[in-house]
Amino acid sequence: KLGIDFTKLAKLAHSTGKESLSFYLIRYEKQIVKKIPFLLQVSKFKDALEIAVKGGDPNNINKVFTEILKQELEVIEVVAQVPDGLRHLRNYAKKRGVRG
């Protein structure tokens, strides 16, 4: 086991303009808690949401929704592309007292 920090490598690649290499590298990061912040930082919201939903941790899912909303993106368009994304968005909204 080499202990390679793929998130660090992905950040370095991204900062030097090698976006496709950075996205290739981040796929190999095993820790979701490192992968999601990187994807949010580089505005890959759909990818971050897919990983969060697959991981199943409501805290990670809510973090992604919060970041999507901060960016004032078309939330439904992003979320609808992710399996089970709309269900999780409803739960997120309910917890915040938003009625649909």
N, C-alpha and C. Protein backbone atom coordinates (compact mmCIF):
# COMPACT_ATOMS: atom_id res chain seq x y z
N LYS A 1 0.85 -1.18 0.00
CA LYS A 1 0.00 0.00 0.00
C LYS A 1 0.89 1.24 0.00
N LEU A 2 0.72 2.09 -1.00
CA LEU A 2 1.60 3.23 -1.16
C LEU A 2 1.15 4.47 -0.40
N GLY A 3 -0.12 4.58 -0.09
CA GLY A 3 -0.62 5.75 0.63
C GLY A 3 -0.60 7.02 -0.21
N ILE A 4 -0.99 6.90 -1.45
CA ILE A 4 -1.01 8.05 -2.35
C ILE A 4 -2.24 8.90 -2.07
N ASP A 5 -2.04 10.20 -1.95
CA ASP A 5 -3.14 11.14 -1.74
C ASP A 5 -3.62 11.63 -3.11
N PHE A 6 -4.61 10.94 -3.65
CA PHE A 6 -5.10 11.27 -4.99
C PHE A 6 -5.79 12.63 -5.03
N THR A 7 -6.35 13.06 -3.91
CA THR A 7 -6.99 14.38 -3.88
C THR A 7 -5.94 15.47 -4.06
N LYS A 8 -4.82 15.33 -3.38
CA LYS A 8 -3.74 16.31 -3.51
C LYS A 8 -3.23 16.35 -4.95
N LEU A 9 -3.04 15.18 -5.54
CA LEU A 9 -2.59 15.12 -6.93
C LEU A 9 -3.61 15.74 -7.87
N ALA A 10 -4.89 15.47 -7.61
CA ALA A 10 -5.96 16.03 -8.45
C ALA A 10 -5.99 17.54 -8.35
N LYS A 11 -5.81 18.07 -7.14
CA LYS A 11 -5.78 19.53 -6.95
C LYS A 11 -4.61 20.15 -7.69
N LEU A 12 -3.46 19.51 -7.61
CA LEU A 12 -2.27 20.00 -8.30
C LEU A 12 -2.49 20.00 -9.82
N ALA A 13 -3.03 18.91 -10.34
CA ALA A 13 -3.29 18.82 -11.77
C ALA A 13 -4.28 19.89 -12.20
N HIS A 14 -5.33 20.09 -11.39
CA HIS A 14 -6.35 21.08 -11.73
C HIS A 14 -5.77 22.49 -11.71
N SER A 15 -4.93 22.77 -10.74
CA SER A 15 -4.36 24.12 -10.61
C SER A 15 -3.38 24.44 -11.75
N THR A 16 -2.87 23.41 -12.40
CA THR A 16 -1.96 23.64 -13.53
C THR A 16 -2.67 23.51 -14.87
N GLY A 17 -4.00 23.50 -14.82
CA GLY A 17 -4.78 23.50 -16.06
C GLY A 17 -5.02 22.13 -16.67
N LYS A 18 -4.68 21.10 -15.96
CA LYS A 18 -4.86 19.74 -16.47
C LYS A 18 -6.14 19.13 -15.88
N GLU A 19 -7.27 19.69 -16.31
CA GLU A 19 -8.56 19.30 -15.72
C GLU A 19 -8.88 17.83 -15.95
N SER A 20 -8.69 17.33 -17.16
CA SER A 20 -9.06 15.94 -17.41
C SER A 20 -8.20 15.00 -16.57
N LEU A 21 -6.93 15.33 -16.36
CA LEU A 21 -6.07 14.52 -15.50
C LEU A 21 -6.56 14.59 -14.05
N SER A 22 -6.99 15.77 -13.61
CA SER A 22 -7.46 15.90 -12.22
C SER A 22 -8.70 15.05 -11.99
N PHE A 23 -9.61 15.00 -12.97
CA PHE A 23 -10.82 14.20 -12.80
C PHE A 23 -10.51 12.70 -12.89
N TYR A 24 -9.49 12.35 -13.65
CA TYR A 24 -9.05 10.97 -13.71
C TYR A 24 -8.48 10.55 -12.35
N LEU A 25 -7.65 11.40 -11.77
CA LEU A 25 -7.01 11.08 -10.50
C LEU A 25 -8.01 11.00 -9.35
N ILE A 26 -8.98 11.91 -9.32
CA ILE A 26 -9.91 11.94 -8.18
C ILE A 26 -10.77 10.67 -8.13
N ARG A 27 -10.94 10.02 -9.25
CA ARG A 27 -11.70 8.76 -9.26
C ARG A 27 -11.06 7.70 -8.37
N TYR A 28 -9.76 7.80 -8.17
CA TYR A 28 -9.04 6.80 -7.39
C TYR A 28 -8.98 7.12 -5.90
N GLU A 29 -9.45 8.29 -5.51
CA GLU A 29 -9.49 8.64 -4.09
C GLU A 29 -10.54 7.77 -3.41
N LYS A 30 -10.13 7.10 -2.35
CA LYS A 30 -11.05 6.18 -1.66
C LYS A 30 -11.93 6.88 -0.62
N GLN A 31 -11.46 8.00 -0.08
CA GLN A 31 -12.19 8.68 0.99
C GLN A 31 -13.20 9.68 0.41
N ILE A 32 -14.47 9.39 0.63
CA ILE A 32 -15.54 10.26 0.14
C ILE A 32 -15.40 11.67 0.72
N VAL A 33 -15.00 11.76 1.98
CA VAL A 33 -14.89 13.07 2.63
C VAL A 33 -13.80 13.95 2.03
N LYS A 34 -12.91 13.38 1.25
CA LYS A 34 -11.91 14.15 0.53
C LYS A 34 -12.36 14.41 -0.91
N LYS A 35 -13.04 13.44 -1.47
CA LYS A 35 -13.46 13.50 -2.87
C LYS A 35 -14.54 14.57 -3.10
N ILE A 36 -15.55 14.60 -2.24
CA ILE A 36 -16.68 15.52 -2.41
C ILE A 36 -16.25 16.98 -2.35
N PRO A 37 -15.47 17.41 -1.35
CA PRO A 37 -15.05 18.82 -1.33
C PRO A 37 -14.28 19.24 -2.59
N PHE A 38 -13.43 18.33 -3.10
CA PHE A 38 -12.69 18.66 -4.33
C PHE A 38 -13.66 18.87 -5.48
N LEU A 39 -14.61 17.97 -5.64
CA LEU A 39 -15.58 18.09 -6.74
C LEU A 39 -16.43 19.36 -6.61
N LEU A 40 -16.79 19.72 -5.41
CA LEU A 40 -17.54 20.95 -5.19
C LEU A 40 -16.68 22.17 -5.52
N GLN A 41 -15.42 22.12 -5.14
CA GLN A 41 -14.50 23.23 -5.39
C GLN A 41 -14.34 23.49 -6.89
N VAL A 42 -14.37 22.42 -7.69
CA VAL A 42 -14.18 22.57 -9.13
C VAL A 42 -15.51 22.55 -9.88
N SER A 43 -16.60 22.77 -9.15
CA SER A 43 -17.95 22.91 -9.71
C SER A 43 -18.46 21.68 -10.44
N LYS A 44 -18.08 20.51 -9.97
CA LYS A 44 -18.62 19.26 -10.51
C LYS A 44 -19.71 18.76 -9.56
N PHE A 45 -20.81 19.54 -9.52
CA PHE A 45 -21.87 19.30 -8.54
C PHE A 45 -22.59 17.98 -8.76
N LYS A 46 -22.85 17.64 -10.00
CA LYS A 46 -23.54 16.38 -10.29
C LYS A 46 -22.70 15.20 -9.82
N ASP A 47 -21.41 15.22 -10.12
CA ASP A 47 -20.53 14.13 -9.69
C ASP A 47 -20.46 14.04 -8.17
N ALA A 48 -20.37 15.20 -7.51
CA ALA A 48 -20.33 15.21 -6.04
C ALA A 48 -21.62 14.64 -5.46
N LEU A 49 -22.76 15.01 -6.05
CA LEU A 49 -24.04 14.50 -5.56
C LEU A 49 -24.16 13.00 -5.78
N GLU A 50 -23.73 12.52 -6.94
CA GLU A 50 -23.78 11.07 -7.20
C GLU A 50 -22.98 10.30 -6.15
N ILE A 51 -21.79 10.78 -5.85
CA ILE A 51 -20.94 10.10 -4.87
C ILE A 51 -21.57 10.18 -3.48
N ALA A 52 -22.11 11.32 -3.13
CA ALA A 52 -22.75 11.48 -1.81
C ALA A 52 -23.96 10.56 -1.67
N VAL A 53 -24.79 10.50 -2.72
CA VAL A 53 -25.98 9.64 -2.67
C VAL A 53 -25.58 8.18 -2.58
N LYS A 54 -24.59 7.77 -3.35
CA LYS A 54 -24.11 6.38 -3.28
C LYS A 54 -23.56 6.06 -1.90
N GLY A 55 -22.87 7.03 -1.29
CA GLY A 55 -22.31 6.83 0.05
C GLY A 55 -23.39 6.74 1.11
N GLY A 56 -24.51 7.44 0.88
CA GLY A 56 -25.66 7.34 1.78
C GLY A 56 -25.61 8.19 3.04
N ASP A 57 -24.56 8.94 3.26
CA ASP A 57 -24.46 9.76 4.47
C ASP A 57 -25.24 11.06 4.25
N PRO A 58 -26.32 11.27 5.03
CA PRO A 58 -27.13 12.47 4.86
C PRO A 58 -26.34 13.77 5.01
N ASN A 59 -25.30 13.76 5.85
CA ASN A 59 -24.49 14.97 6.02
C ASN A 59 -23.77 15.35 4.73
N ASN A 60 -23.22 14.35 4.05
CA ASN A 60 -22.55 14.62 2.77
C ASN A 60 -23.55 15.08 1.71
N ILE A 61 -24.70 14.44 1.67
CA ILE A 61 -25.73 14.80 0.69
C ILE A 61 -26.18 16.23 0.93
N ASN A 62 -26.45 16.57 2.19
CA ASN A 62 -26.88 17.93 2.52
C ASN A 62 -25.81 18.97 2.21
N LYS A 63 -24.56 18.62 2.43
CA LYS A 63 -23.46 19.53 2.11
C LYS A 63 -23.46 19.86 0.62
N VAL A 64 -23.67 18.85 -0.21
CA VAL A 64 -23.69 19.07 -1.66
C VAL A 64 -24.87 19.96 -2.03
N PHE A 65 -26.05 19.68 -1.49
CA PHE A 65 -27.23 20.53 -1.78
C PHE A 65 -26.98 21.97 -1.36
N THR A 66 -26.38 22.15 -0.20
CA THR A 66 -26.09 23.51 0.28
C THR A 66 -25.17 24.23 -0.69
N GLU A 67 -24.16 23.55 -1.18
CA GLU A 67 -23.23 24.18 -2.13
C GLU A 67 -23.90 24.47 -3.47
N ILE A 68 -24.76 23.58 -3.92
CA ILE A 68 -25.49 23.82 -5.17
C ILE A 68 -26.35 25.07 -5.02
N LEU A 69 -27.04 25.18 -3.91
CA LEU A 69 -27.90 26.34 -3.68
C LEU A 69 -27.10 27.63 -3.54
N LYS A 70 -25.92 27.56 -2.93
CA LYS A 70 -25.06 28.74 -2.80
C LYS A 70 -24.66 29.28 -4.17
N GLN A 71 -24.49 28.37 -5.11
CA GLN A 71 -24.07 28.77 -6.46
C GLN A 71 -25.23 29.27 -7.29
N GLU A 72 -26.45 29.20 -6.71
CA GLU A 72 -27.67 29.64 -7.38
C GLU A 72 -27.86 28.94 -8.72
N LEU A 73 -27.54 27.66 -8.74
CA LEU A 73 -27.73 26.87 -9.95
C LEU A 73 -29.18 26.41 -10.05
N GLU A 74 -29.53 25.93 -11.21
CA GLU A 74 -30.84 25.31 -11.38
C GLU A 74 -30.78 23.95 -10.67
N VAL A 75 -31.17 23.94 -9.44
CA VAL A 75 -31.03 22.77 -8.58
C VAL A 75 -31.71 21.55 -9.18
N ILE A 76 -32.93 21.71 -9.62
CA ILE A 76 -33.69 20.56 -10.15
C ILE A 76 -32.98 19.94 -11.34
N GLU A 77 -32.42 20.77 -12.21
CA GLU A 77 -31.73 20.25 -13.39
C GLU A 77 -30.53 19.40 -12.99
N VAL A 78 -29.79 19.81 -11.99
CA VAL A 78 -28.62 19.05 -11.53
C VAL A 78 -29.07 17.79 -10.82
N VAL A 79 -30.01 17.94 -9.90
CA VAL A 79 -30.45 16.83 -9.05
C VAL A 79 -31.18 15.76 -9.85
N ALA A 80 -31.96 16.15 -10.83
CA ALA A 80 -32.74 15.19 -11.62
C ALA A 80 -31.84 14.23 -12.40
N GLN A 81 -30.60 14.59 -12.61
CA GLN A 81 -29.68 13.73 -13.34
C GLN A 81 -29.09 12.61 -12.48
N VAL A 82 -29.33 12.68 -11.18
CA VAL A 82 -28.75 11.71 -10.25
C VAL A 82 -29.83 10.77 -9.75
N PRO A 83 -29.63 9.46 -9.88
CA PRO A 83 -30.62 8.51 -9.36
C PRO A 83 -30.89 8.77 -7.87
N ASP A 84 -32.14 8.87 -7.50
CA ASP A 84 -32.59 9.14 -6.13
C ASP A 84 -32.30 10.57 -5.68
N GLY A 85 -31.79 11.40 -6.56
CA GLY A 85 -31.45 12.77 -6.19
C GLY A 85 -32.66 13.58 -5.76
N LEU A 86 -33.77 13.45 -6.47
CA LEU A 86 -34.97 14.22 -6.13
C LEU A 86 -35.53 13.83 -4.77
N ARG A 87 -35.48 12.56 -4.45
CA ARG A 87 -35.95 12.10 -3.14
C ARG A 87 -35.12 12.73 -2.03
N HIS A 88 -33.82 12.75 -2.23
CA HIS A 88 -32.94 13.35 -1.22
C HIS A 88 -33.15 14.87 -1.14
N LEU A 89 -33.43 15.50 -2.26
CA LEU A 89 -33.71 16.94 -2.25
C LEU A 89 -34.98 17.24 -1.47
N ARG A 90 -36.00 16.40 -1.62
CA ARG A 90 -37.24 16.58 -0.85
C ARG A 90 -36.94 16.48 0.65
N ASN A 91 -36.15 15.50 1.04
CA ASN A 91 -35.79 15.35 2.45
C ASN A 91 -35.01 16.58 2.95
N TYR A 92 -34.11 17.07 2.13
CA TYR A 92 -33.32 18.26 2.46
C TYR A 92 -34.26 19.44 2.69
N ALA A 93 -35.22 19.62 1.79
CA ALA A 93 -36.16 20.74 1.89
C ALA A 93 -37.05 20.59 3.13
N LYS A 94 -37.54 19.38 3.39
CA LYS A 94 -38.40 19.15 4.56
C LYS A 94 -37.69 19.52 5.85
N LYS A 95 -36.41 19.14 5.95
CA LYS A 95 -35.65 19.43 7.16
C LYS A 95 -35.48 20.93 7.38
N ARG A 96 -35.60 21.69 6.32
CA ARG A 96 -35.45 23.13 6.40
C ARG A 96 -36.78 23.86 6.37
N GLY A 97 -37.87 23.11 6.46
CA GLY A 97 -39.19 23.69 6.55
C GLY A 97 -39.74 24.26 5.25
N VAL A 98 -39.18 23.82 4.12
CA VAL A 98 -39.67 24.30 2.81
C VAL A 98 -40.79 23.37 2.37
N ARG A 99 -41.89 23.98 1.97
CA ARG A 99 -43.03 23.18 1.49
C ARG A 99 -43.07 23.22 -0.02
N GLY A 100 -43.40 22.05 -0.61
CA GLY A 100 -43.39 21.97 -2.07
C GLY A 100 -44.68 21.81 -2.69
